[in-house]
Amino acid sequence: MKFGITLPHFRQVMSAQGVQQVAREAESLGYDSIWVTDHLVIPDAYVERFGEAMMEPLTVLASVIPITSRVKLGISVVIAPYRNPIFVAKSLATMDVLSEGRLIAGVASGWCREEFEYLGVSFQERGALTDEAIQLYKEIWTRDRPRFQGRYWQFADLEAKPQPVQKPHPPIWVGGNSPRGRRRAVELGDAWHPTRIRAPEIRQAWEHIRRLAERQGRDLKGFSIAPRHPMKLYDHSIGQPWPLLGTVDEVKVALEELSQAGAGYLVLDTFYSLKELEGESLDTMRRTLDTFARQVMPAFKDR
């Protein structure tokens, strides 16, 4: 299994120093990747969940390129309808070049209706916008003279280089827990990136994904299910309300179940998404990441 962690660029742990500290420590502790989250504004109804402030994710990810050399750099996930896709394609390609091929491009259609309204983007059309945006990214990333004729965007006779270092393009992880998210992952992505999904759901998802791939004639070699999960280690049992909230031994058992179900990569949230994580400080977050790396990860790496 591989493991990534979310950088502290929002909620109570947000700070420039914290982002840099966690990025460096993640690399030295052996984590495989570091991740950012995408919200451009926080509607009042979601301030308790996300906090009042969130640093812009593409900027944050670019800022840690010079201070890391090994870890992959992931976006979980860029909400495709929020930005012009030509801009996103250029920004992500530039990060892949600057990082010498370390980008993982997580993409999804989004879920927060209020945020779409504030940005002046159609919530109802978010799925179609996302499908077309991913197709456009690939066109720009892989063609010497890109041309595109879609419903929302059209262009020809332009240059949009540099193209990414990774060929044919950086891995595209498609987010979204719905059946449509899985279909989009099979149609356009290299991995399905759901959130807070348990082992039985992973098994069911693999069955669905294999059926979709068979209908499309797609080879699933290299395709993965890579969930995002909250994680907190305790010195006593709390009953594991979520798989990765528990003692070291309990979390090891849960990871074994997730691995056996077919999860090959996990992105870990240690400071948000559940009430159990709302009080975490930067120091407690860093201690959790250190303990997990030293006491849990070695049993699952390189599987």
C-alpha atoms as a PDB file:
ATOM      1  CA  MET A   1       0.000   0.000   0.000  1.00  0.00           C
ATOM      2  CA  LYS A   2       0.940   3.620  -0.461  1.00  0.00           C
ATOM      3  CA  PHE A   3       0.074   6.483   1.864  1.00  0.00           C
ATOM      4  CA  GLY A   4      -0.412  10.201   1.394  1.00  0.00           C
ATOM      5  CA  ILE A   5      -1.302  12.947   3.862  1.00  0.00           C
ATOM      6  CA  THR A   6      -3.239  16.207   3.630  1.00  0.00           C
ATOM      7  CA  LEU A   7      -1.255  19.408   4.121  1.00  0.00           C
ATOM      8  CA  PRO A   8      -2.484  21.880   6.793  1.00  0.00           C
ATOM      9  CA  HIS A   9      -3.673  24.635   4.467  1.00  0.00           C
ATOM     10  CA  PHE A  10      -7.105  25.145   6.067  1.00  0.00           C
ATOM     11  CA  ARG A  11      -8.962  24.895   9.400  1.00  0.00           C
ATOM     12  CA  GLN A  12      -7.277  25.652  12.716  1.00  0.00           C
ATOM     13  CA  VAL A  13      -3.944  24.124  11.689  1.00  0.00           C
ATOM     14  CA  MET A  14      -3.490  26.415   8.666  1.00  0.00           C
ATOM     15  CA  SER A  15      -0.171  28.238   8.446  1.00  0.00           C
ATOM     16  CA  ALA A  16       2.612  28.740   5.940  1.00  0.00           C
ATOM     17  CA  GLN A  17       5.114  27.304   8.413  1.00  0.00           C
ATOM     18  CA  GLY A  18       2.893  24.274   9.018  1.00  0.00           C
ATOM     19  CA  VAL A  19       2.553  23.533   5.315  1.00  0.00           C
ATOM     20  CA  GLN A  20       6.330  23.568   4.937  1.00  0.00           C
ATOM     21  CA  GLN A  21       6.971  21.534   8.099  1.00  0.00           C
ATOM     22  CA  VAL A  22       4.487  18.811   7.210  1.00  0.00           C
ATOM     23  CA  ALA A  23       5.698  18.615   3.603  1.00  0.00           C
ATOM     24  CA  ARG A  24       9.297  18.113   4.740  1.00  0.00           C
ATOM     25  CA  GLU A  25       8.369  15.668   7.486  1.00  0.00           C
ATOM     26  CA  ALA A  26       6.121  13.625   5.192  1.00  0.00           C
ATOM     27  CA  GLU A  27       9.045  13.142   2.843  1.00  0.00           C
ATOM     28  CA  SER A  28      11.511  12.228   5.588  1.00  0.00           C
ATOM     29  CA  LEU A  29       9.046   9.821   7.261  1.00  0.00           C
ATOM     30  CA  GLY A  30       8.489   7.843   4.072  1.00  0.00           C
ATOM     31  CA  TYR A  31       5.007   8.950   3.031  1.00  0.00           C
ATOM     32  CA  ASP A  32       4.408   8.586  -0.689  1.00  0.00           C
ATOM     33  CA  SER A  33       2.530  11.824  -1.329  1.00  0.00           C
ATOM     34  CA  ILE A  34       1.236  15.113   0.076  1.00  0.00           C
ATOM     35  CA  TRP A  35      -2.187  16.518  -0.797  1.00  0.00           C
ATOM     36  CA  VAL A  36      -4.279  19.672  -0.933  1.00  0.00           C
ATOM     37  CA  THR A  37      -8.050  20.240  -0.915  1.00  0.00           C
ATOM     38  CA  ASP A  38     -10.034  22.559  -3.198  1.00  0.00           C
ATOM     39  CA  HIS A  39     -12.570  25.126  -2.027  1.00  0.00           C
ATOM     40  CA  LEU A  40     -12.396  28.722  -3.234  1.00  0.00           C
ATOM     41  CA  VAL A  41     -14.996  30.099  -0.824  1.00  0.00           C
ATOM     42  CA  ILE A  42     -16.521  28.618   2.323  1.00  0.00           C
ATOM     43  CA  PRO A  43     -20.305  29.054   2.615  1.00  0.00           C
ATOM     44  CA  ASP A  44     -21.482  29.814   6.152  1.00  0.00           C
ATOM     45  CA  ALA A  45     -23.122  26.400   6.430  1.00  0.00           C
ATOM     46  CA  TYR A  46     -19.712  24.705   6.059  1.00  0.00           C
ATOM     47  CA  VAL A  47     -17.470  26.932   8.190  1.00  0.00           C
ATOM     48  CA  GLU A  48     -17.616  24.465  11.089  1.00  0.00           C
ATOM     49  CA  ARG A  49     -16.362  21.709   8.781  1.00  0.00           C
ATOM     50  CA  PHE A  50     -13.700  23.550   6.760  1.00  0.00           C
ATOM     51  CA  GLY A  51     -12.916  26.610   8.866  1.00  0.00           C
ATOM     52  CA  GLU A  52     -13.099  30.244   7.852  1.00  0.00           C
ATOM     53  CA  ALA A  53      -9.990  30.222   5.667  1.00  0.00           C
ATOM     54  CA  MET A  54      -8.439  27.913   3.103  1.00  0.00           C
ATOM     55  CA  MET A  55      -5.295  28.665   1.126  1.00  0.00           C
ATOM     56  CA  GLU A  56      -5.759  28.213  -2.635  1.00  0.00           C
ATOM     57  CA  PRO A  57      -4.654  24.616  -3.302  1.00  0.00           C
ATOM     58  CA  LEU A  58      -2.744  24.953  -6.570  1.00  0.00           C
ATOM     59  CA  THR A  59      -0.669  27.757  -5.056  1.00  0.00           C
ATOM     60  CA  VAL A  60       0.012  25.715  -1.917  1.00  0.00           C
ATOM     61  CA  LEU A  61       1.089  22.679  -3.903  1.00  0.00           C
ATOM     62  CA  ALA A  62       3.435  24.750  -6.055  1.00  0.00           C
ATOM     63  CA  SER A  63       4.985  26.250  -2.919  1.00  0.00           C
ATOM     64  CA  VAL A  64       6.264  22.889  -1.638  1.00  0.00           C
ATOM     65  CA  ILE A  65       7.918  21.810  -4.894  1.00  0.00           C
ATOM     66  CA  PRO A  66      11.300  23.397  -4.021  1.00  0.00           C
ATOM     67  CA  ILE A  67      11.427  21.908  -0.510  1.00  0.00           C
ATOM     68  CA  THR A  68      10.663  18.305  -1.526  1.00  0.00           C
ATOM     69  CA  SER A  69      12.315  15.954  -3.982  1.00  0.00           C
ATOM     70  CA  ARG A  70      10.643  12.550  -3.711  1.00  0.00           C
ATOM     71  CA  VAL A  71       7.014  12.708  -2.549  1.00  0.00           C
ATOM     72  CA  LYS A  72       4.257  12.922  -5.131  1.00  0.00           C
ATOM     73  CA  LEU A  73       2.174  16.095  -5.125  1.00  0.00           C
ATOM     74  CA  GLY A  74      -1.570  15.521  -5.229  1.00  0.00           C
ATOM     75  CA  ILE A  75      -4.776  17.533  -5.459  1.00  0.00           C
ATOM     76  CA  SER A  76      -7.753  15.944  -3.738  1.00  0.00           C
ATOM     77  CA  VAL A  77      -9.444  17.193  -5.795  1.00  0.00           C
ATOM     78  CA  VAL A  78      -9.465  20.124  -8.194  1.00  0.00           C
ATOM     79  CA  ILE A  79     -13.143  20.933  -8.776  1.00  0.00           C
ATOM     80  CA  ALA A  80     -13.065  21.109 -12.553  1.00  0.00           C
ATOM     81  CA  PRO A  81     -16.041  23.468 -13.097  1.00  0.00           C
ATOM     82  CA  TYR A  82     -14.578  26.164 -10.816  1.00  0.00           C
ATOM     83  CA  ARG A  83     -11.784  27.227 -13.189  1.00  0.00           C
ATOM     84  CA  ASN A  84     -11.186  27.608 -16.899  1.00  0.00           C
ATOM     85  CA  PRO A  85      -9.804  24.216 -18.002  1.00  0.00           C
ATOM     86  CA  ILE A  86      -7.078  25.733 -20.175  1.00  0.00           C
ATOM     87  CA  PHE A  87      -5.772  27.510 -17.075  1.00  0.00           C
ATOM     88  CA  VAL A  88      -5.955  24.293 -15.037  1.00  0.00           C
ATOM     89  CA  ALA A  89      -4.207  22.265 -17.737  1.00  0.00           C
ATOM     90  CA  LYS A  90      -1.400  24.838 -17.924  1.00  0.00           C
ATOM     91  CA  SER A  91      -1.078  25.120 -14.142  1.00  0.00           C
ATOM     92  CA  LEU A  92      -0.936  21.358 -13.573  1.00  0.00           C
ATOM     93  CA  ALA A  93       1.484  20.812 -16.455  1.00  0.00           C
ATOM     94  CA  THR A  94       3.743  23.519 -15.061  1.00  0.00           C
ATOM     95  CA  MET A  95       3.754  21.860 -11.634  1.00  0.00           C
ATOM     96  CA  ASP A  96       4.607  18.520 -13.209  1.00  0.00           C
ATOM     97  CA  VAL A  97       7.534  20.141 -15.022  1.00  0.00           C
ATOM     98  CA  LEU A  98       8.787  22.034 -11.969  1.00  0.00           C
ATOM     99  CA  SER A  99       8.521  18.917  -9.780  1.00  0.00           C
ATOM    100  CA  GLU A 100      10.167  16.716 -12.440  1.00  0.00           C
ATOM    101  CA  GLY A 101       7.141  14.475 -12.836  1.00  0.00           C
ATOM    102  CA  ARG A 102       5.637  14.218  -9.352  1.00  0.00           C
ATOM    103  CA  LEU A 103       2.066  15.448  -9.884  1.00  0.00           C
ATOM    104  CA  ILE A 104      -1.109  13.426  -9.249  1.00  0.00           C
ATOM    105  CA  ALA A 105      -4.092  15.234 -10.755  1.00  0.00           C
ATOM    106  CA  GLY A 106      -7.195  14.556  -8.703  1.00  0.00           C
ATOM    107  CA  VAL A 107     -10.333  15.850 -10.425  1.00  0.00           C
ATOM    108  CA  ALA A 108     -14.018  15.860  -9.502  1.00  0.00           C
ATOM    109  CA  SER A 109     -17.262  17.634 -10.309  1.00  0.00           C
ATOM    110  CA  GLY A 110     -17.940  19.105  -6.851  1.00  0.00           C
ATOM    111  CA  TRP A 111     -20.874  18.905  -4.470  1.00  0.00           C
ATOM    112  CA  CYS A 112     -21.350  22.274  -2.723  1.00  0.00           C
ATOM    113  CA  ARG A 113     -24.286  23.988  -4.443  1.00  0.00           C
ATOM    114  CA  GLU A 114     -23.732  27.289  -2.636  1.00  0.00           C
ATOM    115  CA  GLU A 115     -20.117  27.475  -3.773  1.00  0.00           C
ATOM    116  CA  PHE A 116     -21.184  26.974  -7.391  1.00  0.00           C
ATOM    117  CA  GLU A 117     -23.739  29.769  -7.006  1.00  0.00           C
ATOM    118  CA  TYR A 118     -21.162  32.175  -5.540  1.00  0.00           C
ATOM    119  CA  LEU A 119     -18.786  31.420  -8.426  1.00  0.00           C
ATOM    120  CA  GLY A 120     -21.504  31.794 -11.066  1.00  0.00           C
ATOM    121  CA  VAL A 121     -21.156  28.213 -12.320  1.00  0.00           C
ATOM    122  CA  SER A 122     -24.046  25.883 -13.134  1.00  0.00           C
ATOM    123  CA  PHE A 123     -24.459  23.243 -10.447  1.00  0.00           C
ATOM    124  CA  GLN A 124     -26.761  21.201 -12.674  1.00  0.00           C
ATOM    125  CA  GLU A 125     -24.166  21.002 -15.447  1.00  0.00           C
ATOM    126  CA  ARG A 126     -21.197  20.194 -13.227  1.00  0.00           C
ATOM    127  CA  GLY A 127     -20.914  16.591 -14.421  1.00  0.00           C
ATOM    128  CA  ALA A 128     -20.868  17.503 -18.101  1.00  0.00           C
ATOM    129  CA  LEU A 129     -18.444  20.354 -17.409  1.00  0.00           C
ATOM    130  CA  THR A 130     -16.107  17.960 -15.600  1.00  0.00           C
ATOM    131  CA  ASP A 131     -16.180  15.335 -18.345  1.00  0.00           C
ATOM    132  CA  GLU A 132     -15.333  17.941 -20.955  1.00  0.00           C
ATOM    133  CA  ALA A 133     -12.650  19.559 -18.798  1.00  0.00           C
ATOM    134  CA  ILE A 134     -10.787  16.259 -18.319  1.00  0.00           C
ATOM    135  CA  GLN A 135     -10.944  15.590 -22.055  1.00  0.00           C
ATOM    136  CA  LEU A 136      -9.564  19.083 -22.664  1.00  0.00           C
ATOM    137  CA  TYR A 137      -6.712  18.593 -20.168  1.00  0.00           C
ATOM    138  CA  LYS A 138      -5.666  15.445 -22.017  1.00  0.00           C
ATOM    139  CA  GLU A 139      -5.808  17.164 -25.394  1.00  0.00           C
ATOM    140  CA  ILE A 140      -3.510  19.943 -24.223  1.00  0.00           C
ATOM    141  CA  TRP A 141      -1.183  17.579 -22.379  1.00  0.00           C
ATOM    142  CA  THR A 142      -0.717  15.075 -25.206  1.00  0.00           C
ATOM    143  CA  ARG A 143      -1.064  16.872 -28.567  1.00  0.00           C
ATOM    144  CA  ASP A 144       1.568  19.011 -30.235  1.00  0.00           C
ATOM    145  CA  ARG A 145      -1.153  21.138 -31.842  1.00  0.00           C
ATOM    146  CA  PRO A 146      -4.199  20.736 -29.611  1.00  0.00           C
ATOM    147  CA  ARG A 147      -7.669  21.196 -31.049  1.00  0.00           C
ATOM    148  CA  PHE A 148     -10.929  20.928 -29.147  1.00  0.00           C
ATOM    149  CA  GLN A 149     -14.570  21.143 -30.139  1.00  0.00           C
ATOM    150  CA  GLY A 150     -16.756  20.614 -27.102  1.00  0.00           C
ATOM    151  CA  ARG A 151     -20.067  21.902 -25.876  1.00  0.00           C
ATOM    152  CA  TYR A 152     -18.522  24.388 -23.467  1.00  0.00           C
ATOM    153  CA  TRP A 153     -15.052  25.049 -24.890  1.00  0.00           C
ATOM    154  CA  GLN A 154     -13.645  25.170 -28.409  1.00  0.00           C
ATOM    155  CA  PHE A 155     -10.194  26.042 -29.699  1.00  0.00           C
ATOM    156  CA  ALA A 156      -7.694  25.366 -32.469  1.00  0.00           C
ATOM    157  CA  ASP A 157      -4.418  26.747 -33.784  1.00  0.00           C
ATOM    158  CA  LEU A 158      -2.769  27.402 -30.457  1.00  0.00           C
ATOM    159  CA  GLU A 159       0.255  26.404 -28.419  1.00  0.00           C
ATOM    160  CA  ALA A 160      -0.188  25.468 -24.751  1.00  0.00           C
ATOM    161  CA  LYS A 161       3.228  24.114 -23.793  1.00  0.00           C
ATOM    162  CA  PRO A 162       5.005  23.058 -21.662  1.00  0.00           C
ATOM    163  CA  GLN A 163       3.457  19.638 -21.597  1.00  0.00           C
ATOM    164  CA  PRO A 164       3.801  17.454 -18.480  1.00  0.00           C
ATOM    165  CA  VAL A 165       6.938  15.424 -17.839  1.00  0.00           C
ATOM    166  CA  GLN A 166       4.881  12.277 -17.156  1.00  0.00           C
ATOM    167  CA  LYS A 167       3.704  10.531 -20.299  1.00  0.00           C
ATOM    168  CA  PRO A 168       1.150  10.434 -21.647  1.00  0.00           C
ATOM    169  CA  HIS A 169       0.082  12.693 -18.768  1.00  0.00           C
ATOM    170  CA  PRO A 170       0.051  12.813 -14.944  1.00  0.00           C
ATOM    171  CA  PRO A 171      -2.170  10.202 -13.271  1.00  0.00           C
ATOM    172  CA  ILE A 172      -5.779  11.382 -13.152  1.00  0.00           C
ATOM    173  CA  TRP A 173      -7.601  10.362  -9.980  1.00  0.00           C
ATOM    174  CA  VAL A 174     -11.331  10.886 -10.377  1.00  0.00           C
ATOM    175  CA  GLY A 175     -13.189  11.759  -7.189  1.00  0.00           C
ATOM    176  CA  GLY A 176     -16.830  11.291  -6.311  1.00  0.00           C
ATOM    177  CA  ASN A 177     -18.458   8.482  -4.344  1.00  0.00           C
ATOM    178  CA  SER A 178     -21.422   8.113  -6.687  1.00  0.00           C
ATOM    179  CA  PRO A 179     -21.824   5.554  -9.483  1.00  0.00           C
ATOM    180  CA  ARG A 180     -21.275   8.437 -11.917  1.00  0.00           C
ATOM    181  CA  GLY A 181     -17.932   9.128 -10.259  1.00  0.00           C
ATOM    182  CA  ARG A 182     -16.915   5.524 -10.814  1.00  0.00           C
ATOM    183  CA  ARG A 183     -18.036   5.657 -14.439  1.00  0.00           C
ATOM    184  CA  ARG A 184     -16.053   8.843 -14.985  1.00  0.00           C
ATOM    185  CA  ALA A 185     -12.995   7.211 -13.431  1.00  0.00           C
ATOM    186  CA  VAL A 186     -13.230   4.242 -15.799  1.00  0.00           C
ATOM    187  CA  GLU A 187     -13.962   6.423 -18.825  1.00  0.00           C
ATOM    188  CA  LEU A 188     -11.387   9.155 -18.217  1.00  0.00           C
ATOM    189  CA  GLY A 189      -9.179   8.364 -15.230  1.00  0.00           C
ATOM    190  CA  ASP A 190      -6.390   6.230 -13.847  1.00  0.00           C
ATOM    191  CA  ALA A 191      -7.878   5.736 -10.373  1.00  0.00           C
ATOM    192  CA  TRP A 192     -11.117   6.167  -8.473  1.00  0.00           C
ATOM    193  CA  HIS A 193     -10.626   8.436  -5.453  1.00  0.00           C
ATOM    194  CA  PRO A 194     -13.629   8.162  -3.086  1.00  0.00           C
ATOM    195  CA  THR A 195     -13.867   9.461   0.468  1.00  0.00           C
ATOM    196  CA  ARG A 196     -14.569   7.553   3.703  1.00  0.00           C
ATOM    197  CA  ILE A 197     -15.373   4.255   2.017  1.00  0.00           C
ATOM    198  CA  ARG A 198     -15.303   0.993   3.971  1.00  0.00           C
ATOM    199  CA  ALA A 199     -13.993  -2.407   2.878  1.00  0.00           C
ATOM    200  CA  PRO A 200     -17.367  -3.920   1.806  1.00  0.00           C
ATOM    201  CA  GLU A 201     -18.066  -0.852  -0.332  1.00  0.00           C
ATOM    202  CA  ILE A 202     -14.648  -1.169  -1.964  1.00  0.00           C
ATOM    203  CA  ARG A 203     -15.390  -4.758  -2.955  1.00  0.00           C
ATOM    204  CA  GLN A 204     -18.741  -3.719  -4.429  1.00  0.00           C
ATOM    205  CA  ALA A 205     -17.084  -0.819  -6.244  1.00  0.00           C
ATOM    206  CA  TRP A 206     -14.503  -3.116  -7.829  1.00  0.00           C
ATOM    207  CA  GLU A 207     -17.315  -5.325  -9.131  1.00  0.00           C
ATOM    208  CA  HIS A 208     -19.007  -2.281 -10.662  1.00  0.00           C
ATOM    209  CA  ILE A 209     -15.735  -0.974 -12.110  1.00  0.00           C
ATOM    210  CA  ARG A 210     -14.920  -4.322 -13.728  1.00  0.00           C
ATOM    211  CA  ARG A 211     -18.372  -4.423 -15.343  1.00  0.00           C
ATOM    212  CA  LEU A 212     -17.947  -0.887 -16.645  1.00  0.00           C
ATOM    213  CA  ALA A 213     -14.484  -1.645 -17.997  1.00  0.00           C
ATOM    214  CA  GLU A 214     -15.693  -4.796 -19.725  1.00  0.00           C
ATOM    215  CA  ARG A 215     -18.488  -2.885 -21.469  1.00  0.00           C
ATOM    216  CA  GLN A 216     -16.035  -0.209 -22.594  1.00  0.00           C
ATOM    217  CA  GLY A 217     -13.283  -2.624 -23.572  1.00  0.00           C
ATOM    218  CA  ARG A 218     -10.942  -0.942 -21.128  1.00  0.00           C
ATOM    219  CA  ASP A 219      -7.880  -2.682 -19.700  1.00  0.00           C
ATOM    220  CA  LEU A 220      -7.777  -2.034 -15.939  1.00  0.00           C
ATOM    221  CA  LYS A 221      -4.047  -2.713 -15.650  1.00  0.00           C
ATOM    222  CA  GLY A 222      -2.644   0.049 -13.468  1.00  0.00           C
ATOM    223  CA  PHE A 223      -6.085   1.259 -12.378  1.00  0.00           C
ATOM    224  CA  SER A 224      -6.598   1.574  -8.624  1.00  0.00           C
ATOM    225  CA  ILE A 225      -9.075   2.500  -5.936  1.00  0.00           C
ATOM    226  CA  ALA A 226      -7.415   5.112  -3.752  1.00  0.00           C
ATOM    227  CA  PRO A 227      -9.687   6.279  -0.917  1.00  0.00           C
ATOM    228  CA  ARG A 228      -9.336   9.336   1.267  1.00  0.00           C
ATOM    229  CA  HIS A 229      -9.851   8.508   4.956  1.00  0.00           C
ATOM    230  CA  PRO A 230      -9.813  10.325   8.303  1.00  0.00           C
ATOM    231  CA  MET A 231      -7.143   8.916  10.601  1.00  0.00           C
ATOM    232  CA  LYS A 232      -6.407   9.380  14.311  1.00  0.00           C
ATOM    233  CA  LEU A 233      -4.452   7.139  16.671  1.00  0.00           C
ATOM    234  CA  TYR A 234      -5.549   6.647  20.273  1.00  0.00           C
ATOM    235  CA  ASP A 235      -3.889   4.961  23.233  1.00  0.00           C
ATOM    236  CA  HIS A 236      -7.208   3.266  24.071  1.00  0.00           C
ATOM    237  CA  SER A 237     -10.096   1.879  22.059  1.00  0.00           C
ATOM    238  CA  ILE A 238     -12.987   4.223  21.228  1.00  0.00           C
ATOM    239  CA  GLY A 239     -14.977   1.629  19.318  1.00  0.00           C
ATOM    240  CA  GLN A 240     -13.652   2.616  15.870  1.00  0.00           C
ATOM    241  CA  PRO A 241     -16.492   4.806  14.583  1.00  0.00           C
ATOM    242  CA  TRP A 242     -14.434   4.914  11.374  1.00  0.00           C
ATOM    243  CA  PRO A 243     -11.870   2.321  10.261  1.00  0.00           C
ATOM    244  CA  LEU A 244      -8.766   4.425  10.879  1.00  0.00           C
ATOM    245  CA  LEU A 245      -9.815   5.944  14.198  1.00  0.00           C
ATOM    246  CA  GLY A 246      -8.438   3.673  16.896  1.00  0.00           C
ATOM    247  CA  THR A 247      -5.371   2.197  18.523  1.00  0.00           C
ATOM    248  CA  VAL A 248      -2.325   1.248  16.476  1.00  0.00           C
ATOM    249  CA  ASP A 249      -3.391  -2.394  16.502  1.00  0.00           C
ATOM    250  CA  GLU A 250      -6.994  -1.575  15.550  1.00  0.00           C
ATOM    251  CA  VAL A 251      -5.850   0.608  12.675  1.00  0.00           C
ATOM    252  CA  LYS A 252      -3.542  -2.144  11.433  1.00  0.00           C
ATOM    253  CA  VAL A 253      -6.476  -4.561  11.328  1.00  0.00           C
ATOM    254  CA  ALA A 254      -8.598  -1.993   9.483  1.00  0.00           C
ATOM    255  CA  LEU A 255      -5.827  -1.359   6.960  1.00  0.00           C
ATOM    256  CA  GLU A 256      -5.525  -5.086   6.341  1.00  0.00           C
ATOM    257  CA  GLU A 257      -9.257  -5.198   5.601  1.00  0.00           C
ATOM    258  CA  LEU A 258      -9.038  -2.209   3.249  1.00  0.00           C
ATOM    259  CA  SER A 259      -6.032  -3.736   1.503  1.00  0.00           C
ATOM    260  CA  GLN A 260      -7.706  -7.111   1.065  1.00  0.00           C
ATOM    261  CA  ALA A 261     -10.794  -5.368  -0.329  1.00  0.00           C
ATOM    262  CA  GLY A 262      -8.666  -3.749  -3.023  1.00  0.00           C
ATOM    263  CA  ALA A 263      -7.556  -0.336  -1.772  1.00  0.00           C
ATOM    264  CA  GLY A 264      -4.005   0.185  -2.960  1.00  0.00           C
ATOM    265  CA  TYR A 265      -3.440   3.786  -1.881  1.00  0.00           C
ATOM    266  CA  LEU A 266      -4.797   5.855   1.017  1.00  0.00           C
ATOM    267  CA  VAL A 267      -4.818   9.621   1.502  1.00  0.00           C
ATOM    268  CA  LEU A 268      -5.048  10.396   5.219  1.00  0.00           C
ATOM    269  CA  ASP A 269      -6.870  13.321   6.832  1.00  0.00           C
ATOM    270  CA  THR A 270      -5.640  14.042  10.343  1.00  0.00           C
ATOM    271  CA  PHE A 271      -7.256  17.404  11.151  1.00  0.00           C
ATOM    272  CA  TYR A 272     -10.690  17.604   9.536  1.00  0.00           C
ATOM    273  CA  SER A 273     -13.772  15.819   8.136  1.00  0.00           C
ATOM    274  CA  LEU A 274     -14.955  14.323  11.453  1.00  0.00           C
ATOM    275  CA  LYS A 275     -15.861  15.789  14.849  1.00  0.00           C
ATOM    276  CA  GLU A 276     -13.150  13.589  16.379  1.00  0.00           C
ATOM    277  CA  LEU A 277     -10.526  15.584  14.460  1.00  0.00           C
ATOM    278  CA  GLU A 278     -11.868  19.106  14.971  1.00  0.00           C
ATOM    279  CA  GLY A 279      -9.659  19.907  17.956  1.00  0.00           C
ATOM    280  CA  GLU A 280      -6.379  18.781  16.420  1.00  0.00           C
ATOM    281  CA  SER A 281      -3.468  21.216  16.540  1.00  0.00           C
ATOM    282  CA  LEU A 282      -0.485  21.286  14.228  1.00  0.00           C
ATOM    283  CA  ASP A 283       1.602  19.597  16.933  1.00  0.00           C
ATOM    284  CA  THR A 284      -0.867  16.746  17.528  1.00  0.00           C
ATOM    285  CA  MET A 285      -1.261  16.290  13.784  1.00  0.00           C
ATOM    286  CA  ARG A 286       2.498  15.992  13.344  1.00  0.00           C
ATOM    287  CA  ARG A 287       2.771  13.507  16.215  1.00  0.00           C
ATOM    288  CA  THR A 288       0.029  11.380  14.654  1.00  0.00           C
ATOM    289  CA  LEU A 289       1.825  11.353  11.306  1.00  0.00           C
ATOM    290  CA  ASP A 290       5.087  10.397  13.004  1.00  0.00           C
ATOM    291  CA  THR A 291       3.510   7.545  14.988  1.00  0.00           C
ATOM    292  CA  PHE A 292       1.636   6.210  11.966  1.00  0.00           C
ATOM    293  CA  ALA A 293       4.798   6.261   9.860  1.00  0.00           C
ATOM    294  CA  ARG A 294       6.878   4.448  12.470  1.00  0.00           C
ATOM    295  CA  GLN A 295       4.383   1.987  13.955  1.00  0.00           C
ATOM    296  CA  VAL A 296       1.838   1.307  11.199  1.00  0.00           C
ATOM    297  CA  MET A 297       3.212   1.958   7.719  1.00  0.00           C
ATOM    298  CA  PRO A 298       6.111  -0.521   7.759  1.00  0.00           C
ATOM    299  CA  ALA A 299       3.682  -3.454   7.890  1.00  0.00           C
ATOM    300  CA  PHE A 300       1.928  -2.326   4.700  1.00  0.00           C
ATOM    301  CA  LYS A 301       4.516  -0.666   2.494  1.00  0.00           C
ATOM    302  CA  ASP A 302       5.579  -2.327  -0.754  1.00  0.00           C
ATOM    303  CA  ARG A 303       2.626  -4.713  -0.858  1.00  0.00           C
END
